Amino acid sequence: MYVGALTLDVLFGDVRSLKQKRSEVRPLIAEVHRKFPGLAVAETGHLDLHRRTEIGVAVVTSTASHAVEMLEACERFVAARPGLSCCPRASGCSTTKESEQVWTRRGPGGSQSG
């Protein structure tokens, strides 16, 4: 069993209030749920900022490659939405054995380190 996780830092363009932000975040999360029913998706951070949010995504699969594939597809889906900018902060996949963890952190420039 493999657990994959992804954290997305999302910046909204023309959002001027928390109420307007919620009207953008709710449909985004609902669309991700519809497109990828096997993923768990939630707003996990920056709840008090009106132009920025953090979205957490998780998946449990039988293979590491499938987990990574699903998370990358989700990242591409969110990044393709007009009116927002998406920067993945951290993603990875691990088994129930601590020694088999594989995590990737990405900075704002898209560079990867292990």
N, C-alpha and C. Protein backbone atom coordinates (compact mmCIF):
# COMPACT_ATOMS: atom_id res chain seq x y z
N MET A 1 0.85 -1.17 0.00
CA MET A 1 0.00 0.00 0.00
C MET A 1 0.89 1.23 0.00
N TYR A 2 0.57 2.20 -0.85
CA TYR A 2 1.33 3.44 -0.97
C TYR A 2 0.41 4.62 -0.71
N VAL A 3 0.91 5.59 0.01
CA VAL A 3 0.19 6.81 0.30
C VAL A 3 0.91 7.96 -0.40
N GLY A 4 0.18 8.68 -1.22
CA GLY A 4 0.75 9.83 -1.92
C GLY A 4 0.13 11.11 -1.39
N ALA A 5 0.93 12.16 -1.31
CA ALA A 5 0.44 13.44 -0.82
C ALA A 5 1.00 14.57 -1.67
N LEU A 6 0.20 15.61 -1.82
CA LEU A 6 0.58 16.77 -2.61
C LEU A 6 0.05 18.02 -1.92
N THR A 7 0.88 19.04 -1.81
CA THR A 7 0.46 20.32 -1.26
C THR A 7 0.61 21.37 -2.35
N LEU A 8 -0.48 22.05 -2.66
CA LEU A 8 -0.47 23.09 -3.69
C LEU A 8 -0.67 24.46 -3.06
N ASP A 9 0.15 25.40 -3.44
CA ASP A 9 0.00 26.79 -3.03
C ASP A 9 -0.67 27.51 -4.19
N VAL A 10 -1.89 27.98 -3.98
CA VAL A 10 -2.69 28.55 -5.06
C VAL A 10 -2.87 30.05 -4.81
N LEU A 11 -2.56 30.84 -5.83
CA LEU A 11 -2.75 32.30 -5.78
C LEU A 11 -3.86 32.68 -6.75
N PHE A 12 -4.82 33.47 -6.27
CA PHE A 12 -5.94 33.91 -7.09
C PHE A 12 -5.66 35.30 -7.62
N GLY A 13 -6.06 35.55 -8.86
CA GLY A 13 -5.80 36.83 -9.50
C GLY A 13 -6.64 37.96 -8.96
N ASP A 14 -7.88 38.04 -9.35
CA ASP A 14 -8.74 39.18 -9.03
C ASP A 14 -9.74 38.83 -7.94
N VAL A 15 -9.23 38.54 -6.75
CA VAL A 15 -10.08 38.22 -5.60
C VAL A 15 -9.84 39.29 -4.54
N ARG A 16 -10.92 39.90 -4.06
CA ARG A 16 -10.78 41.03 -3.15
C ARG A 16 -11.32 40.79 -1.74
N SER A 17 -11.88 39.62 -1.49
CA SER A 17 -12.43 39.34 -0.15
C SER A 17 -12.38 37.84 0.12
N LEU A 18 -12.54 37.49 1.39
CA LEU A 18 -12.58 36.07 1.76
C LEU A 18 -13.82 35.39 1.19
N LYS A 19 -14.92 36.13 1.11
CA LYS A 19 -16.15 35.58 0.53
C LYS A 19 -15.94 35.24 -0.95
N GLN A 20 -15.29 36.13 -1.67
CA GLN A 20 -15.00 35.88 -3.08
C GLN A 20 -14.02 34.72 -3.24
N LYS A 21 -13.06 34.63 -2.32
CA LYS A 21 -12.11 33.51 -2.35
C LYS A 21 -12.85 32.18 -2.18
N ARG A 22 -13.76 32.12 -1.22
CA ARG A 22 -14.53 30.89 -0.99
C ARG A 22 -15.32 30.51 -2.24
N SER A 23 -15.81 31.52 -2.97
CA SER A 23 -16.58 31.23 -4.18
C SER A 23 -15.68 30.69 -5.29
N GLU A 24 -14.37 30.83 -5.16
CA GLU A 24 -13.42 30.25 -6.10
C GLU A 24 -12.92 28.88 -5.62
N VAL A 25 -12.68 28.76 -4.31
CA VAL A 25 -12.08 27.53 -3.75
C VAL A 25 -13.07 26.37 -3.78
N ARG A 26 -14.31 26.61 -3.38
CA ARG A 26 -15.30 25.52 -3.34
C ARG A 26 -15.47 24.83 -4.69
N PRO A 27 -15.69 25.58 -5.78
CA PRO A 27 -15.83 24.91 -7.07
C PRO A 27 -14.55 24.20 -7.52
N LEU A 28 -13.40 24.78 -7.17
CA LEU A 28 -12.12 24.14 -7.53
C LEU A 28 -12.00 22.77 -6.86
N ILE A 29 -12.27 22.71 -5.58
CA ILE A 29 -12.19 21.44 -4.85
C ILE A 29 -13.25 20.47 -5.37
N ALA A 30 -14.45 20.95 -5.66
CA ALA A 30 -15.51 20.08 -6.19
C ALA A 30 -15.12 19.52 -7.55
N GLU A 31 -14.49 20.33 -8.40
CA GLU A 31 -14.06 19.84 -9.72
C GLU A 31 -12.99 18.78 -9.60
N VAL A 32 -12.06 18.97 -8.67
CA VAL A 32 -11.01 17.97 -8.46
C VAL A 32 -11.64 16.66 -7.97
N HIS A 33 -12.63 16.75 -7.06
CA HIS A 33 -13.34 15.55 -6.59
C HIS A 33 -14.03 14.83 -7.74
N ARG A 34 -14.67 15.58 -8.63
CA ARG A 34 -15.37 14.97 -9.77
C ARG A 34 -14.39 14.33 -10.75
N LYS A 35 -13.31 15.02 -11.05
CA LYS A 35 -12.34 14.54 -12.04
C LYS A 35 -11.53 13.37 -11.50
N PHE A 36 -11.19 13.40 -10.21
CA PHE A 36 -10.36 12.37 -9.57
C PHE A 36 -11.07 11.84 -8.33
N PRO A 37 -12.05 10.95 -8.49
CA PRO A 37 -12.84 10.50 -7.34
C PRO A 37 -12.05 9.73 -6.29
N GLY A 38 -10.87 9.20 -6.63
CA GLY A 38 -10.07 8.45 -5.67
C GLY A 38 -9.18 9.31 -4.80
N LEU A 39 -9.17 10.62 -5.03
CA LEU A 39 -8.31 11.52 -4.26
C LEU A 39 -9.09 12.17 -3.13
N ALA A 40 -8.40 12.43 -2.04
CA ALA A 40 -8.95 13.25 -0.96
C ALA A 40 -8.38 14.65 -1.15
N VAL A 41 -9.25 15.66 -1.17
CA VAL A 41 -8.84 17.04 -1.44
C VAL A 41 -9.48 17.96 -0.41
N ALA A 42 -8.69 18.91 0.10
CA ALA A 42 -9.23 19.87 1.07
C ALA A 42 -8.39 21.13 1.09
N GLU A 43 -9.03 22.22 1.49
CA GLU A 43 -8.29 23.46 1.74
C GLU A 43 -7.61 23.30 3.10
N THR A 44 -6.29 23.41 3.12
CA THR A 44 -5.55 23.08 4.33
C THR A 44 -4.77 24.24 4.93
N GLY A 45 -4.74 25.38 4.27
CA GLY A 45 -3.96 26.48 4.83
C GLY A 45 -4.30 27.82 4.22
N HIS A 46 -3.75 28.87 4.81
CA HIS A 46 -3.96 30.26 4.39
C HIS A 46 -5.45 30.61 4.38
N LEU A 47 -6.17 30.16 5.38
CA LEU A 47 -7.61 30.37 5.42
C LEU A 47 -7.97 31.83 5.64
N ASP A 48 -7.08 32.62 6.22
CA ASP A 48 -7.38 34.02 6.51
C ASP A 48 -6.86 34.98 5.45
N LEU A 49 -6.22 34.47 4.41
CA LEU A 49 -5.72 35.32 3.32
C LEU A 49 -6.69 35.27 2.15
N HIS A 50 -7.01 36.41 1.56
CA HIS A 50 -8.05 36.41 0.52
C HIS A 50 -7.53 36.13 -0.88
N ARG A 51 -6.23 36.21 -1.14
CA ARG A 51 -5.73 35.93 -2.49
C ARG A 51 -4.91 34.65 -2.56
N ARG A 52 -4.84 33.91 -1.48
CA ARG A 52 -3.97 32.74 -1.45
C ARG A 52 -4.63 31.62 -0.64
N THR A 53 -4.39 30.38 -1.07
CA THR A 53 -4.85 29.23 -0.30
C THR A 53 -3.88 28.07 -0.48
N GLU A 54 -3.96 27.14 0.44
CA GLU A 54 -3.18 25.91 0.34
C GLU A 54 -4.17 24.77 0.19
N ILE A 55 -3.93 23.92 -0.79
CA ILE A 55 -4.82 22.78 -1.02
C ILE A 55 -4.00 21.51 -0.84
N GLY A 56 -4.50 20.62 0.00
CA GLY A 56 -3.86 19.34 0.24
C GLY A 56 -4.58 18.24 -0.51
N VAL A 57 -3.80 17.34 -1.10
CA VAL A 57 -4.35 16.23 -1.88
C VAL A 57 -3.67 14.95 -1.40
N ALA A 58 -4.45 13.88 -1.23
CA ALA A 58 -3.88 12.60 -0.79
C ALA A 58 -4.55 11.47 -1.56
N VAL A 59 -3.77 10.38 -1.73
CA VAL A 59 -4.28 9.21 -2.43
C VAL A 59 -3.63 7.97 -1.83
N VAL A 60 -4.36 6.86 -1.80
CA VAL A 60 -3.83 5.57 -1.38
C VAL A 60 -3.99 4.62 -2.56
N THR A 61 -2.87 4.01 -2.99
CA THR A 61 -2.89 3.12 -4.15
C THR A 61 -2.07 1.87 -3.88
N SER A 62 -2.11 0.96 -4.82
CA SER A 62 -1.36 -0.28 -4.67
C SER A 62 0.07 -0.17 -5.18
N THR A 63 0.35 0.85 -6.03
CA THR A 63 1.71 1.03 -6.54
C THR A 63 2.13 2.49 -6.39
N ALA A 64 3.42 2.70 -6.19
CA ALA A 64 3.94 4.06 -6.05
C ALA A 64 3.78 4.84 -7.35
N SER A 65 4.00 4.19 -8.47
CA SER A 65 3.91 4.88 -9.75
C SER A 65 2.49 5.39 -10.02
N HIS A 66 1.48 4.63 -9.60
CA HIS A 66 0.10 5.07 -9.79
C HIS A 66 -0.20 6.27 -8.91
N ALA A 67 0.30 6.28 -7.69
CA ALA A 67 0.10 7.41 -6.78
C ALA A 67 0.72 8.67 -7.37
N VAL A 68 1.95 8.57 -7.83
CA VAL A 68 2.64 9.72 -8.42
C VAL A 68 1.92 10.19 -9.67
N GLU A 69 1.48 9.27 -10.49
CA GLU A 69 0.76 9.61 -11.72
C GLU A 69 -0.52 10.38 -11.41
N MET A 70 -1.29 9.93 -10.42
CA MET A 70 -2.54 10.60 -10.06
C MET A 70 -2.28 11.99 -9.50
N LEU A 71 -1.25 12.13 -8.65
CA LEU A 71 -0.95 13.43 -8.06
C LEU A 71 -0.46 14.41 -9.12
N GLU A 72 0.34 13.94 -10.06
CA GLU A 72 0.81 14.82 -11.14
C GLU A 72 -0.35 15.25 -12.03
N ALA A 73 -1.27 14.35 -12.31
CA ALA A 73 -2.44 14.70 -13.12
C ALA A 73 -3.30 15.73 -12.40
N CYS A 74 -3.45 15.59 -11.10
CA CYS A 74 -4.21 16.55 -10.31
C CYS A 74 -3.52 17.91 -10.33
N GLU A 75 -2.22 17.91 -10.18
CA GLU A 75 -1.46 19.16 -10.21
C GLU A 75 -1.63 19.87 -11.56
N ARG A 76 -1.54 19.14 -12.65
CA ARG A 76 -1.73 19.72 -13.98
C ARG A 76 -3.15 20.27 -14.15
N PHE A 77 -4.14 19.54 -13.63
CA PHE A 77 -5.53 19.95 -13.74
C PHE A 77 -5.76 21.28 -13.02
N VAL A 78 -5.24 21.41 -11.81
CA VAL A 78 -5.42 22.64 -11.05
C VAL A 78 -4.65 23.79 -11.70
N ALA A 79 -3.44 23.53 -12.14
CA ALA A 79 -2.61 24.57 -12.75
C ALA A 79 -3.20 25.08 -14.06
N ALA A 80 -4.00 24.28 -14.74
CA ALA A 80 -4.58 24.67 -16.02
C ALA A 80 -5.79 25.58 -15.87
N ARG A 81 -6.30 25.73 -14.67
CA ARG A 81 -7.48 26.59 -14.47
C ARG A 81 -7.12 28.05 -14.70
N PRO A 82 -7.95 28.77 -15.44
CA PRO A 82 -7.68 30.19 -15.66
C PRO A 82 -7.96 31.01 -14.40
N GLY A 83 -7.24 32.10 -14.25
CA GLY A 83 -7.48 33.01 -13.13
C GLY A 83 -6.75 32.67 -11.86
N LEU A 84 -5.88 31.66 -11.90
CA LEU A 84 -5.11 31.34 -10.71
C LEU A 84 -3.71 30.90 -11.08
N SER A 85 -2.84 30.97 -10.11
CA SER A 85 -1.46 30.52 -10.28
C SER A 85 -1.21 29.43 -9.25
N CYS A 86 -0.66 28.32 -9.68
CA CYS A 86 -0.49 27.16 -8.82
C CYS A 86 0.98 26.79 -8.71
N CYS A 87 1.47 26.65 -7.48
CA CYS A 87 2.85 26.27 -7.25
C CYS A 87 2.86 25.07 -6.30
N PRO A 88 3.30 23.89 -6.77
CA PRO A 88 3.37 22.74 -5.86
C PRO A 88 4.48 22.96 -4.84
N ARG A 89 4.16 22.78 -3.55
CA ARG A 89 5.15 22.99 -2.51
C ARG A 89 5.84 21.69 -2.12
N ALA A 90 5.11 20.62 -2.03
CA ALA A 90 5.71 19.33 -1.67
C ALA A 90 4.82 18.22 -2.20
N SER A 91 5.46 17.15 -2.63
CA SER A 91 4.70 15.98 -3.06
C SER A 91 5.54 14.76 -2.77
N GLY A 92 4.89 13.62 -2.67
CA GLY A 92 5.64 12.42 -2.42
C GLY A 92 4.77 11.21 -2.25
N CYS A 93 5.44 10.10 -2.03
CA CYS A 93 4.77 8.83 -1.90
C CYS A 93 5.55 8.00 -0.89
N SER A 94 4.85 7.30 -0.03
CA SER A 94 5.54 6.46 0.94
C SER A 94 4.74 5.18 1.17
N THR A 95 5.44 4.16 1.65
CA THR A 95 4.77 2.91 2.02
C THR A 95 4.59 2.92 3.53
N THR A 96 4.07 1.85 4.04
CA THR A 96 3.92 1.75 5.48
C THR A 96 5.27 1.52 6.16
N LYS A 97 6.29 1.17 5.38
CA LYS A 97 7.63 0.99 5.92
C LYS A 97 8.38 2.31 5.85
N GLU A 98 8.88 2.80 6.96
CA GLU A 98 9.56 4.09 7.01
C GLU A 98 10.75 4.15 6.05
N SER A 99 11.45 3.06 5.83
CA SER A 99 12.66 3.07 5.01
C SER A 99 12.38 3.25 3.52
N GLU A 100 11.14 3.15 3.11
CA GLU A 100 10.83 3.22 1.69
C GLU A 100 10.15 4.53 1.30
N GLN A 101 10.35 5.59 2.06
CA GLN A 101 9.73 6.86 1.74
C GLN A 101 10.46 7.56 0.60
N VAL A 102 9.69 8.16 -0.28
CA VAL A 102 10.25 8.96 -1.37
C VAL A 102 9.48 10.27 -1.39
N TRP A 103 10.12 11.37 -1.00
CA TRP A 103 9.46 12.67 -0.98
C TRP A 103 10.22 13.63 -1.87
N THR A 104 9.51 14.48 -2.51
CA THR A 104 10.09 15.50 -3.37
C THR A 104 9.58 16.85 -2.92
N ARG A 105 10.47 17.79 -2.73
CA ARG A 105 10.07 19.15 -2.41
C ARG A 105 10.40 20.03 -3.61
N ARG A 106 9.48 20.91 -3.94
CA ARG A 106 9.69 21.80 -5.08
C ARG A 106 9.62 23.23 -4.59
N GLY A 107 10.54 24.01 -5.03
CA GLY A 107 10.54 25.42 -4.70
C GLY A 107 9.75 26.21 -5.72
N PRO A 108 9.67 27.53 -5.55
CA PRO A 108 8.90 28.37 -6.48
C PRO A 108 9.39 28.28 -7.92
N GLY A 109 10.66 27.97 -8.13
CA GLY A 109 11.18 27.87 -9.49
C GLY A 109 10.98 26.50 -10.11
N GLY A 110 10.39 25.56 -9.38
CA GLY A 110 10.15 24.23 -9.90
C GLY A 110 11.32 23.28 -9.70
N SER A 111 12.38 23.76 -9.01
CA SER A 111 13.53 22.87 -8.78
C SER A 111 13.16 21.80 -7.78
N GLN A 112 13.76 20.64 -7.94
CA GLN A 112 13.46 19.52 -7.07
C GLN A 112 14.68 19.15 -6.25
N SER A 113 14.41 18.70 -5.04
CA SER A 113 15.48 18.18 -4.19
C SER A 113 14.93 17.01 -3.40
N GLY A 114 15.77 16.09 -3.02
CA GLY A 114 15.27 14.90 -2.35
C GLY A 114 15.71 14.78 -0.94
